Each structure stands twice: as structure tokens, then as C-alpha cells.
Amino acid sequence: MRWFEIKEMDQDPQEVQSAYAEIKDNKAMAAELKSADPDGRYDDQAINLAQNKPVRHIRAFRVSVNDVKNAIKSIGGIEQAPDSKQATLSGQYPVIAFEKDKIKYAVVVSSKGLDAENPDSFGLSRKETAPSGLGIPAGIYKRQELIDKTKERVEKRYRNKNPQLADTLLALLDNADKGGKDSLPSEQMEYISSYLGTLSQDYGEILAPLLMTAGSDQIEIPSGNEALVDVKIPGKGNISVKALSGSGTSFKAIAKYMDEYEKAIEEEPDEEKKERFNILKQFHPKRGGKNVDKIIKAVQTANTQEYQELEKILGTSPDDYKSLVDAVQNKTGDSDYSTFLKTFYPIMVAGPWGKPVGLPQDGKYYMDPKGDAPKAKQAGKPNYDADPAAGGANIITYALSVGLLNYIRRGDDADKYKEMMTKIVQKADAVLGHITIKSNGQLELTTTPFSDLEFNFQYHAPSHLPGNNLPGFMAIL
């Protein structure tokens, strides 16, 4: 027997022969899971090292963990514990790994409000209860037609699999029809308590216009290409039911207004104004590239103190994510997490913000270990250890992003940036419909024309997924 045959015998045959799913495998498996669980939605997801997704996987929506496990079992899959790569696919949602025909698959059950301790719990994915998510076609509806169509779609989507959610959605609909002042049964509100915010924004695209209309009024559900407008009410305006005061709204929604603003300032002699706009312009959808690329280019354009310190440490000027990953690899390579943090910590304290920006929650401990180590999460050390160059670049990109947020909102030109953002967004002919589903089921709606609001820059993302949300704008309420 030859030496390499002996070596192969010492290894687990399953491990040697099994391979991660490729695109054709994943798409076929998504279809199999859908056939076993028709009420669920299963989407193939590509590898994305910038977001710490090292293997191809499937995202499941409108299902519980047990639904997914039952579907896997029914098609002959064998459930296994997620390996080190599969385990990093999500730090927020459950990851279910299984194998079939010597191919390794992973499913991320992605639903807001999912109770990780209860395998039968359901959550909601973003936009699931919006008109488009429920399958309500774009078009003009009489008020009662929209109510009837929504009831039909809710019944079809949720009655068999999640009757309690169906009852609650219908109760909210009836409440909106009557003006929103009624309280709902406590058991219904407790059931949706963990995703009230998601429902307020998404189902709010149906509830808000019902609160603003009566009788034979018409309501228009616009096509998906109107990024800022969620609903139109003839005679009352274009309504945006987005959470502008929350995590922000992408610059994609105001791209045409950015173009108009840029044209308007072309002939102005104020070069500093043009330079300020050029920083925001890096997030214009026409710029192309990934979110992390746009962030790094914007920070480089602004030449923030954090970026200047990065240049000193690296001895180079990265202008996109790949060049940053390569530069981190050259600087710290596979150094341990503590060494990486100490090397790049000067970036986090370069600005005059009073505290480090972008330092992971476990960073303080690993720079100066005292006491018990913090509980491992996906961000911080686990993310870095999985891929030191990419994980390190993610932490740096996040620190640069927070530095840019502070530069725009707290720096010397903060008022000028706020004025610029306000002038751009106010060009939109829209009304902010700020709807809240209260904990007792009552509905509260306030409406304010964009022309009466002020706006500012916004950014929010996890430190290990800095490109998860692109910087955008938010209303100052």
C-alpha cells in the first residue's frame, strides 16, 4: 500500500468526499425545499467574503426552524452541526446545516422576531407584509378594494401555517379601517411584539393610507421603481412610510434629486460646497461597486483623520475594499487578533470624537486582557480569526465609516452638510407618514411634508459587516 493511500484511510471518508454546494446545487436544493414546504421561500445566496459569507448557502423566509428541518428530512437530507465556515453565515439567525448526496448545504432562517429558543416560532422578513411582499399588484384601488385584496392575500399566505399572525394582521387592518383607535387582544400583540417595528414600516404601507382616507377614496400602490414613494393618495400626495428616523434610507431613493442639486451648483463659485457634495456623491448608485467600495472611496475623498492615520500605518492609500484587504494582509498577515487591534487602534482614536470609533465590543479585552474573556459572538475575534485579512478590513472599514458619520454630523461643517442634505431631499414631492403600531394595537399616524422637514446623513451597520447598509439619509424628527 502506498503512503498516500494510508493517509487517505486515516481521514473520514465523508469529509474527504463531501463538497460545499455550488450554484447549480443550491438552486436545485432551493427548489426541492420549496416543493417540500410550499409556504416557505428559499433563495440561493452567493459567497460574499466582505460580509463573512465564505460558502454558498440558502436563505429561508416565512418558515420556522422546525419547518426547515422537516423539509430537509422529507427530501432525504441528513442534518449535521454547522462547520466553522457555515457557522459564520449569520450571527443573528439560526443556521441549519445538512448533507445530501455528498454535498454540504446550509440554510439561514432569516426572519425578524424569530425566537431562537423556540424552533416553532415564526418571524417576519423585511417587506414580507408590504403590498409587494403580500403579492398585491401595483395599481389604483378603491379603499374597500384594497382592504378586500389585503384580506385575501393574508388569508392565502398565513392562514394554514401561521393562523395567529393571520388573525393579528386582519385585526390591524380592521382597526385601520375604523380609524386606528381600538385596542387589540393582548395575546395578539404579545405574539407580534418582537417585530412591531418591521410591521409598522412594511404593513404600514397599507395601514397608513387607510388611516388617511375614507369612503370611496382611491389609493394607488406604485410600481417598485419609485424608491421613495410607498403609496399615492390622489388629492393628498405621495406618501413615504419609511423609517426615516431609524436606520436611514439609501441615497438610491433620491438619486435624481442629487443629480438636480449637482447641476444647480455647477456655476456656483463656492468650491467647498462642491467638495462637500462630492463626498456624498460617492454613494450615488451610478458610482457602481459594492457598498464597502463606496464607503472607502467616500472616506478617502473626505480625507478624514481616520483615513490619514490609516495611510500612515499602511504606507499606502487604499481606494476600494480589495486594496484594503491586500494592504491589511501585507501589514499584519495572520497575526493574532490582539496584535491586529493594537496595530490599527490609532485609526479609531484619530478623530476628536472623545472615544474610539469602530472598536468591536470585545476589543478592549483583547488589547488588555483582564478578568474573564467576553462571550464569543460573530463580530470581533471570531470574525477576524476566520479570515484575518478580510475580517481586519471589515473592522477598519467600519471604523472609517463611523469616523465619516461623525465628520459629517459633528465636524466643523456639520450645519452645512445638514443644510445640503435638507435641500436635496426636500426636492422630493412627498409626505412623511410616520406610523406607529402601539403595544396595545392602537395605530398612530403623523404626516409631515418633506418641505417642512430637515434631513441629515446616517449610517448604521454591524462592525463585521460594514457594507450591510450603505450610508443614507434620515429625517430629523
Protein backbone atom coordinates (compact mmCIF):
# COMPACT_ATOMS: atom_id res chain seq x y z
CA MET A 1 0.00 0.00 0.00
CA ARG A 2 1.36 3.42 -0.98
CA TRP A 3 1.84 6.20 1.61
CA PHE A 4 -0.89 8.48 0.26
CA GLU A 5 -3.40 5.60 0.32
CA ILE A 6 -2.60 5.10 4.02
CA LYS A 7 -3.07 8.84 4.61
CA GLU A 8 -6.47 8.78 2.92
CA MET A 9 -7.56 5.80 5.04
CA ASP A 10 -6.78 7.80 8.19
CA GLN A 11 -9.26 10.52 7.18
CA ASP A 12 -13.02 10.49 7.49
CA PRO A 13 -14.24 9.34 4.03
CA GLN A 14 -17.30 11.54 4.41
CA GLU A 15 -15.09 14.58 5.00
CA VAL A 16 -12.84 13.78 2.06
CA GLN A 17 -15.62 13.28 -0.44
CA SER A 18 -18.14 15.92 0.64
CA ALA A 19 -18.08 19.32 -1.04
CA TYR A 20 -19.88 22.59 -0.45
CA ALA A 21 -22.86 23.30 -2.67
CA GLU A 22 -22.20 25.26 -5.84
CA ILE A 23 -24.73 27.48 -7.60
CA LYS A 24 -26.39 24.66 -9.55
CA ASP A 25 -26.63 22.51 -6.42
CA ASN A 26 -28.07 25.32 -4.32
CA LYS A 27 -30.68 26.35 -6.87
CA ALA A 28 -31.81 22.75 -7.28
CA MET A 29 -31.92 22.31 -3.49
CA ALA A 30 -33.88 25.54 -3.02
CA ALA A 31 -36.47 24.17 -5.45
CA GLU A 32 -36.57 20.84 -3.57
CA LEU A 33 -37.12 22.56 -0.24
CA LYS A 34 -39.83 24.72 -1.78
CA SER A 35 -41.62 21.63 -3.09
CA ALA A 36 -41.48 20.08 0.39
CA ASP A 37 -42.61 23.31 2.06
CA PRO A 38 -44.67 25.35 -0.44
CA ASP A 39 -45.47 28.12 2.07
CA GLY A 40 -41.79 28.93 2.58
CA ARG A 41 -39.43 30.90 0.40
CA TYR A 42 -35.93 29.57 -0.30
CA ASP A 43 -33.34 31.76 -2.04
CA ASP A 44 -29.85 30.82 -3.23
CA GLN A 45 -27.15 33.10 -1.78
CA ALA A 46 -23.66 33.63 -3.18
CA ILE A 47 -20.32 33.69 -1.38
CA ASN A 48 -19.56 37.18 -0.06
CA LEU A 49 -16.28 37.41 1.82
CA ALA A 50 -16.83 41.11 2.56
CA GLN A 51 -19.89 40.10 4.58
CA ASN A 52 -18.27 37.00 6.08
CA LYS A 53 -20.25 34.56 3.92
CA PRO A 54 -17.49 32.08 2.97
CA VAL A 55 -19.73 29.39 1.43
CA ARG A 56 -22.77 29.39 -0.78
CA HIS A 57 -25.99 28.96 1.20
CA ILE A 58 -29.78 29.23 1.16
CA ARG A 59 -31.89 31.84 2.95
CA ALA A 60 -35.31 30.72 4.11
CA PHE A 61 -38.22 33.05 4.78
CA ARG A 62 -41.75 32.63 6.17
CA VAL A 63 -40.77 29.43 7.97
CA SER A 64 -39.84 28.20 11.43
CA VAL A 65 -36.68 26.25 12.23
CA ASN A 66 -38.74 23.07 12.55
CA ASP A 67 -40.34 23.70 9.14
CA VAL A 68 -36.90 23.77 7.57
CA LYS A 69 -35.74 20.67 9.45
CA ASN A 70 -38.88 18.75 8.43
CA ALA A 71 -38.41 19.79 4.80
CA ILE A 72 -34.78 18.64 4.86
CA LYS A 73 -35.76 15.29 6.35
CA SER A 74 -38.57 14.76 3.84
CA ILE A 75 -36.19 15.12 0.87
CA GLY A 76 -33.61 12.75 2.35
CA GLY A 77 -31.17 15.30 3.75
CA ILE A 78 -29.12 14.42 6.84
CA GLU A 79 -28.86 17.25 9.35
CA GLN A 80 -25.40 17.98 10.76
CA ALA A 81 -23.84 20.54 13.07
CA PRO A 82 -22.66 23.62 11.09
CA ASP A 83 -18.93 23.52 10.43
CA SER A 84 -16.65 26.53 11.02
CA LYS A 85 -17.49 28.14 7.67
CA GLN A 86 -21.22 27.52 7.82
CA ALA A 87 -21.42 28.80 11.39
CA THR A 88 -20.25 32.27 10.31
CA LEU A 89 -23.09 32.76 7.82
CA SER A 90 -25.20 34.57 10.40
CA GLY A 91 -24.76 35.83 13.91
CA GLN A 92 -28.42 36.84 14.15
CA TYR A 93 -30.41 33.99 12.62
CA PRO A 94 -30.30 30.19 13.04
CA VAL A 95 -28.05 28.27 10.65
CA ILE A 96 -29.14 24.72 9.76
CA ALA A 97 -26.55 22.51 8.04
CA PHE A 98 -27.23 19.25 6.26
CA GLU A 99 -25.81 16.92 3.67
CA LYS A 100 -27.35 15.12 0.73
CA ASP A 101 -25.58 13.13 -1.99
CA LYS A 102 -22.15 14.08 -0.59
CA ILE A 103 -22.90 17.80 -0.91
CA LYS A 104 -22.89 20.11 2.11
CA TYR A 105 -25.71 22.67 2.35
CA ALA A 106 -26.55 25.41 4.84
CA VAL A 107 -29.86 27.21 5.37
CA VAL A 108 -30.14 30.52 7.22
CA VAL A 109 -33.66 31.03 8.62
CA SER A 110 -33.98 34.78 8.12
CA SER A 111 -37.00 36.28 9.85
CA LYS A 112 -37.23 39.33 12.11
CA GLY A 113 -38.52 38.48 15.55
CA LEU A 114 -37.72 34.78 15.32
CA ASP A 115 -37.29 33.28 18.77
CA ALA A 116 -34.05 31.30 18.59
CA GLU A 117 -35.07 29.33 21.68
CA ASN A 118 -38.36 28.17 20.14
CA PRO A 119 -37.95 26.07 16.97
CA ASP A 120 -41.65 26.51 16.14
CA SER A 121 -41.61 30.31 16.26
CA PHE A 122 -42.15 32.46 13.19
CA GLY A 123 -40.71 35.83 12.38
CA LEU A 124 -41.10 38.26 9.51
CA SER A 125 -38.63 39.08 6.77
CA ARG A 126 -38.29 42.66 5.61
CA LYS A 127 -41.01 43.73 3.15
CA GLU A 128 -42.92 40.48 3.72
CA THR A 129 -46.10 42.32 4.79
CA ALA A 130 -45.67 45.28 2.41
CA PRO A 131 -48.01 45.31 -0.62
CA SER A 132 -45.34 43.83 -2.89
CA GLY A 133 -44.44 41.16 -0.31
CA LEU A 134 -48.06 40.10 0.08
CA GLY A 135 -48.45 39.92 -3.68
CA ILE A 136 -50.75 42.93 -4.10
CA PRO A 137 -50.17 44.24 -7.64
CA ALA A 138 -49.35 47.87 -8.33
CA GLY A 139 -52.40 49.86 -9.38
CA ILE A 140 -55.21 52.14 -8.26
CA TYR A 141 -57.71 50.69 -5.78
CA LYS A 142 -60.85 51.95 -4.19
CA ARG A 143 -60.35 51.95 -0.45
CA GLN A 144 -62.56 48.89 0.15
CA GLU A 145 -60.92 47.08 -2.77
CA LEU A 146 -57.53 47.43 -1.11
CA ILE A 147 -58.95 46.14 2.18
CA ASP A 148 -60.51 43.14 0.48
CA LYS A 149 -57.39 42.39 -1.55
CA THR A 150 -55.20 42.57 1.57
CA LYS A 151 -57.51 40.20 3.46
CA GLU A 152 -57.40 37.75 0.57
CA ARG A 153 -53.60 37.78 0.45
CA VAL A 154 -53.19 37.49 4.23
CA GLU A 155 -55.55 34.50 4.33
CA LYS A 156 -53.75 32.77 1.49
CA ARG A 157 -50.27 33.47 2.86
CA TYR A 158 -50.70 32.79 6.57
CA ARG A 159 -53.99 31.05 7.47
CA ASN A 160 -52.79 27.44 7.29
CA LYS A 161 -49.25 27.85 8.56
CA ASN A 162 -49.49 30.77 10.97
CA PRO A 163 -53.13 31.43 11.92
CA GLN A 164 -52.28 33.65 14.87
CA LEU A 165 -50.32 36.01 12.64
CA ALA A 166 -53.17 35.97 10.12
CA ASP A 167 -55.69 36.91 12.82
CA THR A 168 -53.45 39.72 14.08
CA LEU A 169 -52.83 41.19 10.63
CA LEU A 170 -56.56 41.15 9.88
CA ALA A 171 -57.31 42.77 13.24
CA LEU A 172 -54.84 45.56 12.50
CA LEU A 173 -56.43 46.02 9.09
CA ASP A 174 -59.91 46.31 10.60
CA ASN A 175 -58.57 48.75 13.17
CA ALA A 176 -57.09 50.97 10.46
CA ASP A 177 -60.38 50.83 8.58
CA LYS A 178 -62.14 52.20 11.69
CA GLY A 179 -59.56 54.90 12.46
CA GLY A 180 -56.96 53.01 14.50
CA LYS A 181 -58.26 53.83 17.99
CA ASP A 182 -59.26 50.32 19.09
CA SER A 183 -57.07 48.10 21.28
CA LEU A 184 -56.32 44.55 20.16
CA PRO A 185 -56.35 41.43 22.37
CA SER A 186 -53.19 41.17 24.46
CA GLU A 187 -52.35 37.69 23.14
CA GLN A 188 -52.25 39.03 19.58
CA MET A 189 -49.99 41.96 20.49
CA GLU A 190 -47.67 39.74 22.52
CA TYR A 191 -47.33 37.44 19.53
CA ILE A 192 -46.04 40.25 17.28
CA SER A 193 -44.22 42.24 19.96
CA SER A 194 -40.76 41.29 18.71
CA TYR A 195 -41.35 42.69 15.22
CA LEU A 196 -43.62 45.69 15.77
CA GLY A 197 -41.05 47.91 14.07
CA THR A 198 -40.98 45.77 10.94
CA LEU A 199 -44.78 45.66 10.80
CA SER A 200 -45.07 49.42 11.38
CA GLN A 201 -42.89 50.12 8.37
CA ASP A 202 -43.97 47.36 5.99
CA TYR A 203 -47.63 46.64 6.81
CA GLY A 204 -47.80 50.37 7.48
CA GLU A 205 -47.72 50.89 3.71
CA ILE A 206 -51.27 49.53 3.77
CA LEU A 207 -52.42 50.78 7.17
CA ALA A 208 -51.25 54.39 6.69
CA PRO A 209 -53.31 55.18 3.57
CA LEU A 210 -56.37 53.58 5.18
CA LEU A 211 -55.97 55.97 8.11
CA MET A 212 -55.70 58.89 5.68
CA THR A 213 -58.75 58.04 3.57
CA ALA A 214 -62.44 57.29 3.91
CA GLY A 215 -65.44 56.13 1.90
CA SER A 216 -64.85 55.98 -1.83
CA ASP A 217 -61.33 57.50 -1.77
CA GLN A 218 -58.79 55.87 -4.04
CA ILE A 219 -55.35 54.58 -3.10
CA GLU A 220 -52.55 53.92 -5.57
CA ILE A 221 -49.89 51.29 -4.94
CA PRO A 222 -46.97 52.47 -7.12
CA SER A 223 -44.65 50.23 -9.10
CA GLY A 224 -41.40 49.18 -7.48
CA ASN A 225 -39.28 51.71 -9.36
CA GLU A 226 -40.38 54.60 -7.14
CA ALA A 227 -37.85 54.13 -4.38
CA LEU A 228 -39.05 56.89 -2.07
CA VAL A 229 -42.82 56.75 -2.52
CA ASP A 230 -44.67 53.83 -0.92
CA VAL A 231 -48.24 54.86 -1.69
CA LYS A 232 -50.11 57.63 -3.52
CA ILE A 233 -53.41 59.14 -2.50
CA PRO A 234 -55.00 61.25 -5.25
CA GLY A 235 -55.50 64.76 -3.94
CA LYS A 236 -53.44 64.13 -0.78
CA GLY A 237 -49.98 63.45 -2.16
CA ASN A 238 -47.20 60.89 -2.36
CA ILE A 239 -46.62 59.14 0.95
CA SER A 240 -43.34 57.72 2.25
CA VAL A 241 -43.91 55.29 5.10
CA LYS A 242 -40.23 54.61 5.55
CA ALA A 243 -38.49 54.69 8.91
CA LEU A 244 -36.56 57.82 8.06
CA SER A 245 -35.84 58.46 11.71
CA GLY A 246 -34.37 54.99 12.17
CA SER A 247 -31.52 53.37 10.29
CA GLY A 248 -31.87 55.70 7.33
CA THR A 249 -32.85 55.44 3.71
CA SER A 250 -30.46 54.79 0.84
CA PHE A 251 -29.27 57.57 -1.44
CA LYS A 252 -30.73 55.47 -4.25
CA ALA A 253 -34.14 56.87 -3.26
CA ILE A 254 -33.03 60.44 -4.01
CA ALA A 255 -30.58 59.83 -6.85
CA LYS A 256 -32.43 62.11 -9.29
CA TYR A 257 -32.61 64.89 -6.71
CA MET A 258 -28.86 64.57 -6.14
CA ASP A 259 -28.38 64.98 -9.91
CA GLU A 260 -30.57 68.10 -9.90
CA TYR A 261 -28.67 69.56 -6.95
CA GLU A 262 -25.31 68.89 -8.59
CA LYS A 263 -26.44 70.66 -11.75
CA ALA A 264 -27.74 73.62 -9.72
CA ILE A 265 -24.37 74.21 -8.02
CA GLU A 266 -22.22 73.80 -11.15
CA GLU A 267 -21.97 77.54 -11.73
CA GLU A 268 -21.59 78.50 -8.08
CA PRO A 269 -18.18 79.87 -7.01
CA ASP A 270 -18.33 78.00 -3.67
CA GLU A 271 -15.77 75.26 -4.28
CA GLU A 272 -16.05 73.97 -0.71
CA LYS A 273 -19.75 73.26 -1.25
CA LYS A 274 -18.84 71.24 -4.34
CA GLU A 275 -16.23 69.33 -2.35
CA ARG A 276 -18.80 68.52 0.35
CA PHE A 277 -21.25 67.30 -2.28
CA ASN A 278 -18.53 65.18 -3.89
CA ILE A 279 -18.24 63.18 -0.66
CA LEU A 280 -21.98 62.41 -0.66
CA LYS A 281 -21.83 61.71 -4.39
CA GLN A 282 -19.67 58.65 -3.74
CA PHE A 283 -22.85 56.90 -2.52
CA HIS A 284 -24.79 57.66 -5.72
CA PRO A 285 -25.99 54.39 -7.34
CA LYS A 286 -24.29 55.39 -10.61
CA ARG A 287 -20.93 55.05 -8.89
CA GLY A 288 -21.20 51.26 -9.03
CA GLY A 289 -19.15 48.88 -6.93
CA LYS A 290 -20.00 47.25 -3.63
CA ASN A 291 -21.12 49.20 -0.58
CA VAL A 292 -17.72 48.75 1.06
CA ASP A 293 -16.02 50.15 -2.05
CA LYS A 294 -18.21 53.26 -1.94
CA ILE A 295 -17.58 53.76 1.77
CA ILE A 296 -13.79 53.59 1.41
CA LYS A 297 -13.82 55.92 -1.59
CA ALA A 298 -16.02 58.44 0.25
CA VAL A 299 -13.73 58.40 3.30
CA GLN A 300 -10.70 58.83 1.05
CA THR A 301 -12.43 61.75 -0.69
CA ALA A 302 -13.23 63.37 2.66
CA ASN A 303 -9.65 62.68 3.83
CA THR A 304 -10.85 62.20 7.39
CA GLN A 305 -8.37 61.98 10.23
CA GLU A 306 -9.11 58.26 10.48
CA TYR A 307 -8.15 57.80 6.83
CA GLN A 308 -4.98 59.85 7.23
CA GLU A 309 -3.93 57.62 10.11
CA LEU A 310 -4.71 54.53 8.00
CA GLU A 311 -2.35 55.80 5.29
CA LYS A 312 0.43 56.26 7.86
CA ILE A 313 0.01 52.74 9.22
CA LEU A 314 -0.25 51.02 5.84
CA GLY A 315 2.12 53.22 3.86
CA THR A 316 -0.43 53.19 1.04
CA SER A 317 -3.81 54.75 0.14
CA PRO A 318 -6.46 52.05 -0.41
CA ASP A 319 -9.35 53.29 -2.52
CA ASP A 320 -11.55 50.19 -2.52
CA TYR A 321 -12.20 47.13 -0.39
CA LYS A 322 -9.89 44.75 -2.26
CA SER A 323 -6.93 47.10 -1.99
CA LEU A 324 -7.64 47.48 1.74
CA VAL A 325 -7.76 43.68 2.24
CA ASP A 326 -4.46 43.32 0.39
CA ALA A 327 -2.87 46.11 2.44
CA VAL A 328 -4.03 44.57 5.73
CA GLN A 329 -2.65 41.21 4.62
CA ASN A 330 0.72 42.84 3.89
CA LYS A 331 0.76 44.70 7.22
CA THR A 332 -0.45 42.19 9.79
CA GLY A 333 -0.93 38.99 7.77
CA ASP A 334 -2.12 36.18 10.03
CA SER A 335 -1.18 37.98 13.25
CA ASP A 336 -3.41 37.28 16.22
CA TYR A 337 -6.42 39.46 16.96
CA SER A 338 -4.67 41.37 19.76
CA THR A 339 -1.77 42.34 17.50
CA PHE A 340 -4.14 43.48 14.77
CA LEU A 341 -6.13 45.68 17.17
CA LYS A 342 -3.03 47.29 18.64
CA THR A 343 -1.67 47.96 15.16
CA PHE A 344 -4.79 49.70 13.90
CA TYR A 345 -6.16 51.19 17.12
CA PRO A 346 -4.61 54.61 16.28
CA ILE A 347 -7.18 54.87 13.45
CA MET A 348 -10.02 54.56 15.94
CA VAL A 349 -8.78 57.42 18.13
CA ALA A 350 -7.51 59.71 15.36
CA GLY A 351 -10.60 61.93 15.32
CA PRO A 352 -11.70 64.43 18.01
CA TRP A 353 -14.78 62.39 18.98
CA GLY A 354 -13.97 61.66 22.61
CA LYS A 355 -13.89 57.87 22.33
CA PRO A 356 -12.64 55.20 19.91
CA VAL A 357 -14.77 54.72 16.80
CA GLY A 358 -15.39 51.24 15.42
CA LEU A 359 -13.72 49.24 18.19
CA PRO A 360 -15.51 45.85 18.39
CA GLN A 361 -17.23 45.09 21.69
CA ASP A 362 -14.57 42.56 22.63
CA GLY A 363 -11.72 44.84 21.52
CA LYS A 364 -10.94 46.40 24.89
CA TYR A 365 -10.45 42.98 26.49
CA TYR A 366 -8.19 41.57 23.77
CA MET A 367 -5.99 44.68 23.76
CA ASP A 368 -5.52 44.41 27.52
CA PRO A 369 -6.88 41.09 28.86
CA LYS A 370 -8.16 41.40 32.41
CA GLY A 371 -10.79 39.24 34.05
CA ASP A 372 -12.95 36.81 32.09
CA ALA A 373 -12.99 36.85 28.31
CA PRO A 374 -16.24 38.16 26.81
CA LYS A 375 -18.68 35.66 25.36
CA ALA A 376 -17.80 34.96 21.74
CA LYS A 377 -20.16 36.43 19.15
CA GLN A 378 -19.91 36.55 15.38
CA ALA A 379 -18.32 40.01 15.35
CA GLY A 380 -14.88 40.75 16.73
CA LYS A 381 -12.41 37.91 17.33
CA PRO A 382 -14.40 35.04 15.68
CA ASN A 383 -14.84 37.06 12.52
CA TYR A 384 -11.19 38.08 12.47
CA ASP A 385 -9.89 34.57 13.15
CA ALA A 386 -11.95 33.13 10.29
CA ASP A 387 -10.07 35.33 7.79
CA PRO A 388 -7.61 37.84 9.31
CA ALA A 389 -7.20 39.97 6.19
CA ALA A 390 -10.90 40.26 5.30
CA GLY A 391 -12.02 40.33 8.95
CA GLY A 392 -9.48 43.04 9.69
CA ALA A 393 -10.52 45.04 6.64
CA ASN A 394 -14.15 44.83 7.80
CA ILE A 395 -13.27 46.27 11.22
CA ILE A 396 -11.22 49.06 9.63
CA THR A 397 -13.96 49.87 7.12
CA TYR A 398 -16.48 50.12 9.93
CA ALA A 399 -14.19 52.42 11.91
CA LEU A 400 -13.72 54.61 8.83
CA SER A 401 -17.49 54.68 8.31
CA VAL A 402 -18.25 55.81 11.85
CA GLY A 403 -15.49 58.38 11.54
CA LEU A 404 -17.14 59.70 8.38
CA LEU A 405 -20.52 59.81 10.11
CA ASN A 406 -19.01 61.91 12.89
CA TYR A 407 -17.13 64.09 10.39
CA ILE A 408 -20.38 64.96 8.60
CA ARG A 409 -22.69 65.25 11.60
CA ARG A 410 -20.35 66.58 14.29
CA GLY A 411 -17.45 68.16 12.42
CA ASP A 412 -16.78 71.83 11.66
CA ASP A 413 -19.10 71.77 8.63
CA ALA A 414 -21.93 69.80 10.27
CA ASP A 415 -24.53 72.57 9.76
CA LYS A 416 -23.53 72.94 6.12
CA TYR A 417 -23.90 69.21 5.50
CA LYS A 418 -27.31 69.20 7.17
CA GLU A 419 -28.38 72.16 5.02
CA MET A 420 -27.15 70.35 1.90
CA MET A 421 -28.95 67.11 2.76
CA THR A 422 -32.12 69.03 3.51
CA LYS A 423 -32.03 70.94 0.21
CA ILE A 424 -31.54 67.72 -1.74
CA VAL A 425 -34.26 65.65 -0.07
CA GLN A 426 -36.80 68.48 0.14
CA LYS A 427 -36.97 68.43 -3.65
CA ALA A 428 -38.97 65.22 -3.39
CA ASP A 429 -42.71 65.81 -3.70
CA ALA A 430 -43.64 63.57 -0.81
CA VAL A 431 -45.14 63.45 2.66
CA LEU A 432 -43.61 61.50 5.52
CA GLY A 433 -46.23 59.20 7.01
CA HIS A 434 -44.82 58.21 10.38
CA ILE A 435 -46.99 55.32 11.57
CA THR A 436 -46.64 53.51 14.88
CA ILE A 437 -48.35 50.30 15.93
CA LYS A 438 -48.53 50.71 19.69
CA SER A 439 -48.09 47.81 22.10
CA ASN A 440 -51.89 47.68 22.63
CA GLY A 441 -52.64 47.58 18.90
CA GLN A 442 -53.72 51.19 18.53
CA LEU A 443 -52.42 52.98 15.44
CA GLU A 444 -50.85 56.42 15.47
CA LEU A 445 -50.08 58.35 12.29
CA THR A 446 -48.41 61.72 11.85
CA THR A 447 -47.86 63.26 8.42
CA THR A 448 -45.35 65.95 7.54
CA PRO A 449 -44.45 67.26 4.06
CA PHE A 450 -40.80 66.77 3.20
CA SER A 451 -40.65 70.53 2.60
CA ASP A 452 -41.22 71.05 6.35
CA LEU A 453 -38.54 68.58 7.48
CA GLU A 454 -34.81 68.73 7.96
CA PHE A 455 -32.59 65.82 6.92
CA ASN A 456 -29.15 64.55 7.80
CA PHE A 457 -26.61 61.88 6.91
CA GLN A 458 -26.98 58.44 8.50
CA TYR A 459 -25.01 55.20 8.77
CA HIS A 460 -25.60 52.04 10.78
CA ALA A 461 -24.17 48.54 10.30
CA PRO A 462 -22.54 45.72 12.30
CA SER A 463 -18.77 46.09 12.77
CA HIS A 464 -18.11 42.80 10.96
CA LEU A 465 -20.48 43.69 8.08
CA PRO A 466 -19.70 47.35 7.37
CA GLY A 467 -21.31 47.19 3.94
CA ASN A 468 -24.52 45.63 5.25
CA ASN A 469 -26.18 49.05 5.00
CA LEU A 470 -24.95 51.81 2.72
CA PRO A 471 -24.88 55.29 4.29
CA GLY A 472 -28.03 57.23 3.53
CA PHE A 473 -30.25 59.99 4.87
CA MET A 474 -32.75 60.35 7.69
CA ALA A 475 -35.41 62.83 8.76
CA ILE A 476 -34.76 64.87 11.89
CA LEU A 477 -37.96 64.48 13.89
